Amino acid sequence: MSTTSQGGSAGISVGYAAIQPNAAGAVPSGMAIFGFRESNVLVSEAAVPASPLISSGRSYAEVSSTVNTGVAMANPNAQPVTVNFHFTNTTGADFGQGSTVIPAGGQIAKFLNQAPFNGGNALMGTFTFTASQPISVIALLGLTNERFEFLITTLPVADLSITPGSSAFVFPHYADGGGWTTQLLLVNTTDTPMSGTILFCSQGGCPAAVQPIASNAYTLPPRSSLQLHTAGAASTVTTGSIRVTPTSGSKAPAGVAVFSFKSGGMTVSTAGVPASRTSNAFRLYAEFSGTPGHIGSIQTGVAVANHGTATTSVVFELTTLTGASTGLTGSLSIPAGGQTAVFLSQIPGFDTLTTPFQGVLRVSRSSSEGISVIGIRGRYNERADFLITTTQPTDESRPPVGPQFFPHFADGGGYTTQFILFNGGADHASSGSLPFFSQSGQPISLIVR
């Protein structure tokens, strides 16, 4: 299902939503897409996956004259929750300890330079919190561009109760050159140093002939973060994946790759690619409306990275919102260590797909060596700027379990929120409700269409 808030009022209404299945265990995958308009022009979109409850977490944090980090925390418990927090700079030094109380059933959404966090106006590092009861949390990175428009990117929040592994992992998409640059934001989720190497892989294989960063080594002090930028100097765009490999004895960091696009000297789009698990089958929400390349058109794309040591065939299948097959299937061959990034209309076998379309795209391979996948949503706004946000797929072998929430929505004042629920598993159906709550914890009636 897909439903969008109206966004018609001058004031902003904010709060959170709870995914409430009717049957225990039948939890759908969820995603919220924030849209922000200025002067009737859509300037930014950001897609945030539904979040489970966690008791402690850490995210990348940055505040400057053009960048700000926001955090939203929803407390669905029947009791108030105390949240203790602190910041850590890039050298591993902690500072800015504090605490706040979220009322029973309530929510807070603030930037890190605002109360109650008060992290200051010059911050680079991480934000860490511990809650007295599990809460749902998201983080967003905001960039004020050269036109003074506010562009939003989703930041992952690492669950500190999960011990990180020591294996290599992949960001399945990056872009550099032709107006594109990529920031790599790595976060140390432990109290010990981390180190390793970063390898950029091309669509044809790994490694890429040109590594677009000055050094391929990284070192992360405890609890800190690291920011690396690609050069973006080439006139033509290069795309591929990024492979991060911890050194022997080191744990793997969390993180996100944020790629940005400049047109005419203006940053018009930013999107975050979280570190990806490997699997053999993924599902993601898919949308195709309007004429590709024209104002108002929306099209889902997908980037797939092949982790294997041999060329693999990746299969694409489309079902409608009702779960019925469209009869459309396609496949692409990806070299060993290579990557591909395509929109729906570019997949062989999907040439007869008609608009408008909403449904689910399944991406799979049959061999034992896994792939990594990220969804890409491309949209042309009223100014013909090309906006991109990434959409998180669901690993078919690991569908959501336990309570899931959208810890933040915004409606009015230029904001709308699109709520999407889809079946991320292969063998279950789900039904239920999506109630909305205000920051004070009161049920509200959000008008959706």
Foldseek 3Di string as FASTA:
>chain_A
DKWKFPQPAQDKFKFWKWQDFPDAPQGFWKKKKKWFDDPQWTQEIAIDTWFFWAFKWKWWAFAAPFKWKKKKKFAQAQAKKKKWKWWAAQVGDIDQTDIDIFGHLFMDMDICCDPPNVPDRGGGKMMMMGMPTTITMWMWMWGLKPVRDIYIETIDIGRLVDDFAQFKFKQLKAKAALQKKKKWKWFASFQAKWKWFKAPVFQQAPGDPDDQWDGGIDIGHHGTMDITMGPNPHNDMTMWMMMTHTDPPGGGTWTWMKMWGDDPNITREIEIGTTWDWDFKWKDKWWFADDPLDAFTKWKKKKKFFQAQAKFKKKKFWDAQVRHGPPFMAIDIGGHRHMDMDIQCPGPRSVPPDPGGITMMMIGTDDPGTMTMKMKMWHQIPVRDIYIYITHIARQVCGDHDIIMGSMAMHYSRMMMMMDTDHTYDDDDTDDDMWTAGNSSHTDDRDID
